Amino acid sequence: MGREIEKKFIIVKPSSFPEGTVASRIEQYFLLPRDGYDTRRIRVRTTAGKTVYTYTEKRLLSGFTRIENERGISEDEFASLLKERDPDMGKIVKTRYVYPYRGHTLEIDVFPFWDRYAVLEVELGSEEESFELPADIETVADVTTDKRFTNKALAVRSPAPEEFPRRG
């Protein structure tokens, strides 16, 4: 059982990424809830021609800290779990760009439903940990605790840019 502590931002989609960035195509499906977890999902992730399947359970602990259990699964288990798909949730498809920056790993998710925007996530060791984003990243809003911008919420409805919270 692990902890996930991450900050999440809406950003203007970068026109390029630093050398060494790893890009992956991700398809994500949400499963019917059970066992006290807020979220159950399965993913198929393809990076440089290699495909990996994962099963994840998450539960909010406090603030923006979650309990996260994640494990690799086989393609057959993925197909079996897909039968537990929540019929109210759409499939999420995104391209994830991952690169290190000043002691942290930045993950930028580019979705097909936004032309100009993306989501940036940075994992932290604690909710108080400080971090820095690259100067060329234009932040639109901190959506760390805004439930409208969880992947689960985006599987139902993607907010239009005019609905983004604005910096104060």
C-alpha atoms as a PDB file:
ATOM      1  CA  MET A   1       0.000   0.000   0.000  1.00  0.00           C
ATOM      2  CA  GLY A   2       1.540   3.272  -1.105  1.00  0.00           C
ATOM      3  CA  ARG A   3       0.798   6.931  -0.709  1.00  0.00           C
ATOM      4  CA  GLU A   4       0.299   9.265  -3.632  1.00  0.00           C
ATOM      5  CA  ILE A   5       0.835  12.949  -2.941  1.00  0.00           C
ATOM      6  CA  GLU A   6       0.632  15.065  -6.049  1.00  0.00           C
ATOM      7  CA  LYS A   7      -0.081  18.603  -7.149  1.00  0.00           C
ATOM      8  CA  LYS A   8      -2.053  19.045 -10.362  1.00  0.00           C
ATOM      9  CA  PHE A   9      -2.224  22.036 -12.696  1.00  0.00           C
ATOM     10  CA  ILE A  10      -3.968  23.026 -15.894  1.00  0.00           C
ATOM     11  CA  ILE A  11      -1.228  24.388 -18.156  1.00  0.00           C
ATOM     12  CA  VAL A  12      -0.943  25.731 -21.668  1.00  0.00           C
ATOM     13  CA  LYS A  13       0.119  22.733 -23.752  1.00  0.00           C
ATOM     14  CA  PRO A  14       3.874  22.919 -24.398  1.00  0.00           C
ATOM     15  CA  SER A  15       4.975  23.093 -28.018  1.00  0.00           C
ATOM     16  CA  SER A  16       8.006  20.928 -27.212  1.00  0.00           C
ATOM     17  CA  PHE A  17       9.489  18.856 -24.416  1.00  0.00           C
ATOM     18  CA  PRO A  18      13.054  18.603 -23.063  1.00  0.00           C
ATOM     19  CA  GLU A  19      15.487  16.048 -24.425  1.00  0.00           C
ATOM     20  CA  GLY A  20      15.036  12.734 -22.643  1.00  0.00           C
ATOM     21  CA  THR A  21      11.273  13.089 -22.229  1.00  0.00           C
ATOM     22  CA  VAL A  22       9.500   9.729 -22.359  1.00  0.00           C
ATOM     23  CA  ALA A  23       6.133   9.694 -24.140  1.00  0.00           C
ATOM     24  CA  SER A  24       3.470   7.032 -23.571  1.00  0.00           C
ATOM     25  CA  ARG A  25       0.016   6.456 -24.972  1.00  0.00           C
ATOM     26  CA  ILE A  26      -2.434   5.569 -22.190  1.00  0.00           C
ATOM     27  CA  GLU A  27      -5.944   4.140 -22.367  1.00  0.00           C
ATOM     28  CA  GLN A  28      -7.692   4.076 -19.024  1.00  0.00           C
ATOM     29  CA  TYR A  29     -10.980   2.502 -17.946  1.00  0.00           C
ATOM     30  CA  PHE A  30     -12.764   2.972 -14.631  1.00  0.00           C
ATOM     31  CA  LEU A  31     -14.265  -0.022 -12.865  1.00  0.00           C
ATOM     32  CA  LEU A  32     -17.285  -0.234 -10.612  1.00  0.00           C
ATOM     33  CA  PRO A  33     -16.333   0.800  -7.061  1.00  0.00           C
ATOM     34  CA  ARG A  34     -15.790  -1.723  -4.267  1.00  0.00           C
ATOM     35  CA  ASP A  35     -13.760  -2.461  -1.157  1.00  0.00           C
ATOM     36  CA  GLY A  36     -13.787   1.105   0.202  1.00  0.00           C
ATOM     37  CA  TYR A  37     -11.782   2.628  -2.656  1.00  0.00           C
ATOM     38  CA  ASP A  38     -12.916   5.854  -4.359  1.00  0.00           C
ATOM     39  CA  THR A  39     -11.382   4.759  -7.629  1.00  0.00           C
ATOM     40  CA  ARG A  40     -10.611   1.459  -9.331  1.00  0.00           C
ATOM     41  CA  ARG A  41      -9.089   1.546 -12.796  1.00  0.00           C
ATOM     42  CA  ILE A  42      -7.199  -0.420 -15.385  1.00  0.00           C
ATOM     43  CA  ARG A  43      -4.731   0.995 -17.864  1.00  0.00           C
ATOM     44  CA  VAL A  44      -2.952  -0.083 -20.973  1.00  0.00           C
ATOM     45  CA  ARG A  45       0.214   1.974 -21.484  1.00  0.00           C
ATOM     46  CA  THR A  46       2.409   1.790 -24.573  1.00  0.00           C
ATOM     47  CA  THR A  47       5.888   3.282 -24.464  1.00  0.00           C
ATOM     48  CA  ALA A  48       8.394   2.828 -27.312  1.00  0.00           C
ATOM     49  CA  GLY A  49       6.420  -0.145 -28.642  1.00  0.00           C
ATOM     50  CA  LYS A  50       6.194  -1.942 -25.267  1.00  0.00           C
ATOM     51  CA  THR A  51       2.727  -2.416 -23.740  1.00  0.00           C
ATOM     52  CA  VAL A  52       2.101  -2.734 -19.994  1.00  0.00           C
ATOM     53  CA  TYR A  53      -1.215  -3.362 -18.213  1.00  0.00           C
ATOM     54  CA  THR A  54      -1.938  -2.130 -14.672  1.00  0.00           C
ATOM     55  CA  TYR A  55      -4.697  -2.291 -12.071  1.00  0.00           C
ATOM     56  CA  THR A  56      -4.975   0.569  -9.543  1.00  0.00           C
ATOM     57  CA  GLU A  57      -7.112   1.301  -6.490  1.00  0.00           C
ATOM     58  CA  LYS A  58      -7.150   4.749  -4.837  1.00  0.00           C
ATOM     59  CA  ARG A  59      -8.744   6.234  -1.745  1.00  0.00           C
ATOM     60  CA  LEU A  60      -8.507   9.827  -0.510  1.00  0.00           C
ATOM     61  CA  LEU A  61      -6.710   9.968   2.820  1.00  0.00           C
ATOM     62  CA  SER A  62      -6.540  13.736   3.482  1.00  0.00           C
ATOM     63  CA  GLY A  63      -5.921  16.990   1.630  1.00  0.00           C
ATOM     64  CA  PHE A  64      -4.371  15.779  -1.613  1.00  0.00           C
ATOM     65  CA  THR A  65      -2.867  12.569  -0.238  1.00  0.00           C
ATOM     66  CA  ARG A  66      -4.277   9.265  -1.420  1.00  0.00           C
ATOM     67  CA  ILE A  67      -3.703   5.642  -0.602  1.00  0.00           C
ATOM     68  CA  GLU A  68      -2.754   3.967  -3.874  1.00  0.00           C
ATOM     69  CA  ASN A  69      -2.391   0.275  -4.626  1.00  0.00           C
ATOM     70  CA  GLU A  70      -1.115  -0.470  -8.101  1.00  0.00           C
ATOM     71  CA  ARG A  71       0.089  -3.686  -9.691  1.00  0.00           C
ATOM     72  CA  GLY A  72       0.962  -4.996 -13.079  1.00  0.00           C
ATOM     73  CA  ILE A  73      -1.540  -7.385 -14.635  1.00  0.00           C
ATOM     74  CA  SER A  74      -1.598  -9.624 -17.685  1.00  0.00           C
ATOM     75  CA  GLU A  75      -3.467  -8.847 -20.880  1.00  0.00           C
ATOM     76  CA  ASP A  76      -5.912 -11.631 -19.980  1.00  0.00           C
ATOM     77  CA  GLU A  77      -6.550 -10.174 -16.514  1.00  0.00           C
ATOM     78  CA  PHE A  78      -7.029  -6.761 -18.129  1.00  0.00           C
ATOM     79  CA  ALA A  79      -9.680  -8.252 -20.454  1.00  0.00           C
ATOM     80  CA  SER A  80     -11.375  -9.963 -17.511  1.00  0.00           C
ATOM     81  CA  LEU A  81     -11.401  -6.790 -15.374  1.00  0.00           C
ATOM     82  CA  LEU A  82     -12.767  -4.812 -18.320  1.00  0.00           C
ATOM     83  CA  LYS A  83     -16.047  -6.685 -17.692  1.00  0.00           C
ATOM     84  CA  GLU A  84     -16.288  -4.700 -14.415  1.00  0.00           C
ATOM     85  CA  ARG A  85     -16.136  -1.384 -16.293  1.00  0.00           C
ATOM     86  CA  ASP A  86     -18.365   1.362 -14.917  1.00  0.00           C
ATOM     87  CA  PRO A  87     -20.943   1.959 -17.679  1.00  0.00           C
ATOM     88  CA  ASP A  88     -21.287   5.641 -16.682  1.00  0.00           C
ATOM     89  CA  MET A  89     -17.617   6.340 -17.404  1.00  0.00           C
ATOM     90  CA  GLY A  90     -16.012   6.931 -20.767  1.00  0.00           C
ATOM     91  CA  LYS A  91     -12.564   5.712 -21.723  1.00  0.00           C
ATOM     92  CA  ILE A  92      -9.722   8.153 -21.108  1.00  0.00           C
ATOM     93  CA  VAL A  93      -7.108   8.362 -23.854  1.00  0.00           C
ATOM     94  CA  LYS A  94      -4.073  10.557 -23.373  1.00  0.00           C
ATOM     95  CA  THR A  95      -0.441  10.952 -24.218  1.00  0.00           C
ATOM     96  CA  ARG A  96       1.746  11.307 -21.149  1.00  0.00           C
ATOM     97  CA  TYR A  97       5.105  13.060 -21.323  1.00  0.00           C
ATOM     98  CA  VAL A  98       7.437  12.372 -18.372  1.00  0.00           C
ATOM     99  CA  TYR A  99      10.725  14.053 -17.519  1.00  0.00           C
ATOM    100  CA  PRO A 100      12.786  14.921 -14.460  1.00  0.00           C
ATOM    101  CA  TYR A 101      13.037  18.513 -13.311  1.00  0.00           C
ATOM    102  CA  ARG A 102      14.987  19.743 -10.288  1.00  0.00           C
ATOM    103  CA  GLY A 103      14.551  16.674  -8.123  1.00  0.00           C
ATOM    104  CA  HIS A 104      10.973  15.875  -9.150  1.00  0.00           C
ATOM    105  CA  THR A 105       9.300  14.020 -11.983  1.00  0.00           C
ATOM    106  CA  LEU A 106       6.889  16.032 -14.107  1.00  0.00           C
ATOM    107  CA  GLU A 107       4.065  14.257 -15.915  1.00  0.00           C
ATOM    108  CA  ILE A 108       2.190  16.182 -18.594  1.00  0.00           C
ATOM    109  CA  ASP A 109      -1.017  14.611 -19.899  1.00  0.00           C
ATOM    110  CA  VAL A 110      -2.244  15.747 -23.298  1.00  0.00           C
ATOM    111  CA  PHE A 111      -5.885  14.886 -23.987  1.00  0.00           C
ATOM    112  CA  PRO A 112      -7.568  14.839 -27.410  1.00  0.00           C
ATOM    113  CA  PHE A 113     -10.482  16.978 -26.144  1.00  0.00           C
ATOM    114  CA  TRP A 114      -8.335  20.063 -25.399  1.00  0.00           C
ATOM    115  CA  ASP A 115      -6.411  21.723 -28.221  1.00  0.00           C
ATOM    116  CA  ARG A 116      -4.549  24.305 -26.169  1.00  0.00           C
ATOM    117  CA  TYR A 117      -4.350  22.885 -22.648  1.00  0.00           C
ATOM    118  CA  ALA A 118      -2.843  19.950 -20.770  1.00  0.00           C
ATOM    119  CA  VAL A 119      -2.598  18.675 -17.193  1.00  0.00           C
ATOM    120  CA  LEU A 120       0.701  18.701 -15.311  1.00  0.00           C
ATOM    121  CA  GLU A 121       1.220  16.558 -12.223  1.00  0.00           C
ATOM    122  CA  VAL A 122       4.178  16.507  -9.857  1.00  0.00           C
ATOM    123  CA  GLU A 123       4.534  13.841  -7.153  1.00  0.00           C
ATOM    124  CA  LEU A 124       5.741  15.005  -3.757  1.00  0.00           C
ATOM    125  CA  GLY A 125       7.033  13.383  -0.579  1.00  0.00           C
ATOM    126  CA  SER A 126       4.662  15.429   1.599  1.00  0.00           C
ATOM    127  CA  GLU A 127       1.909  17.997   1.158  1.00  0.00           C
ATOM    128  CA  GLU A 128       4.302  20.674   2.488  1.00  0.00           C
ATOM    129  CA  GLU A 129       7.191  19.859   0.131  1.00  0.00           C
ATOM    130  CA  SER A 130       8.226  22.726  -2.107  1.00  0.00           C
ATOM    131  CA  PHE A 131       8.908  22.329  -5.808  1.00  0.00           C
ATOM    132  CA  GLU A 132       9.581  24.440  -8.844  1.00  0.00           C
ATOM    133  CA  LEU A 133       8.072  24.267 -12.315  1.00  0.00           C
ATOM    134  CA  PRO A 134      10.048  25.156 -15.441  1.00  0.00           C
ATOM    135  CA  ALA A 135       9.851  28.832 -16.425  1.00  0.00           C
ATOM    136  CA  ASP A 136       8.513  27.900 -19.874  1.00  0.00           C
ATOM    137  CA  ILE A 137       5.447  26.145 -18.389  1.00  0.00           C
ATOM    138  CA  GLU A 138       2.480  28.520 -18.403  1.00  0.00           C
ATOM    139  CA  THR A 139       0.222  27.587 -15.498  1.00  0.00           C
ATOM    140  CA  VAL A 140      -3.479  28.367 -15.944  1.00  0.00           C
ATOM    141  CA  ALA A 141      -4.772  27.025 -12.614  1.00  0.00           C
ATOM    142  CA  ASP A 142      -3.916  24.825  -9.647  1.00  0.00           C
ATOM    143  CA  VAL A 143      -6.583  22.098  -9.740  1.00  0.00           C
ATOM    144  CA  THR A 144      -5.055  19.815  -7.114  1.00  0.00           C
ATOM    145  CA  THR A 145      -8.241  19.624  -5.045  1.00  0.00           C
ATOM    146  CA  ASP A 146     -10.749  20.432  -7.810  1.00  0.00           C
ATOM    147  CA  LYS A 147     -12.684  17.208  -8.344  1.00  0.00           C
ATOM    148  CA  ARG A 148     -13.689  18.312 -11.870  1.00  0.00           C
ATOM    149  CA  PHE A 149     -10.134  17.611 -13.035  1.00  0.00           C
ATOM    150  CA  THR A 150      -9.586  14.099 -11.749  1.00  0.00           C
ATOM    151  CA  ASN A 151      -9.224  11.519 -14.503  1.00  0.00           C
ATOM    152  CA  LYS A 152     -12.391   9.928 -13.160  1.00  0.00           C
ATOM    153  CA  ALA A 153     -14.321  13.179 -13.648  1.00  0.00           C
ATOM    154  CA  LEU A 154     -12.777  13.688 -17.103  1.00  0.00           C
ATOM    155  CA  ALA A 155     -14.061  10.234 -18.074  1.00  0.00           C
ATOM    156  CA  VAL A 156     -17.578  11.627 -17.638  1.00  0.00           C
ATOM    157  CA  ARG A 157     -17.162  15.210 -18.860  1.00  0.00           C
ATOM    158  CA  SER A 158     -14.224  17.389 -19.854  1.00  0.00           C
ATOM    159  CA  PRO A 159     -14.590  20.980 -18.615  1.00  0.00           C
ATOM    160  CA  ALA A 160     -14.408  23.680 -21.283  1.00  0.00           C
ATOM    161  CA  PRO A 161     -11.569  26.231 -20.930  1.00  0.00           C
ATOM    162  CA  GLU A 162     -13.996  28.934 -19.789  1.00  0.00           C
ATOM    163  CA  GLU A 163     -14.776  26.705 -16.787  1.00  0.00           C
ATOM    164  CA  PHE A 164     -11.133  26.520 -15.659  1.00  0.00           C
ATOM    165  CA  PRO A 165     -10.463  28.210 -12.334  1.00  0.00           C
ATOM    166  CA  ARG A 166      -8.429  31.363 -12.824  1.00  0.00           C
ATOM    167  CA  ARG A 167      -5.313  32.431 -11.009  1.00  0.00           C
ATOM    168  CA  GLY A 168      -6.010  35.127  -8.433  1.00  0.00           C
END
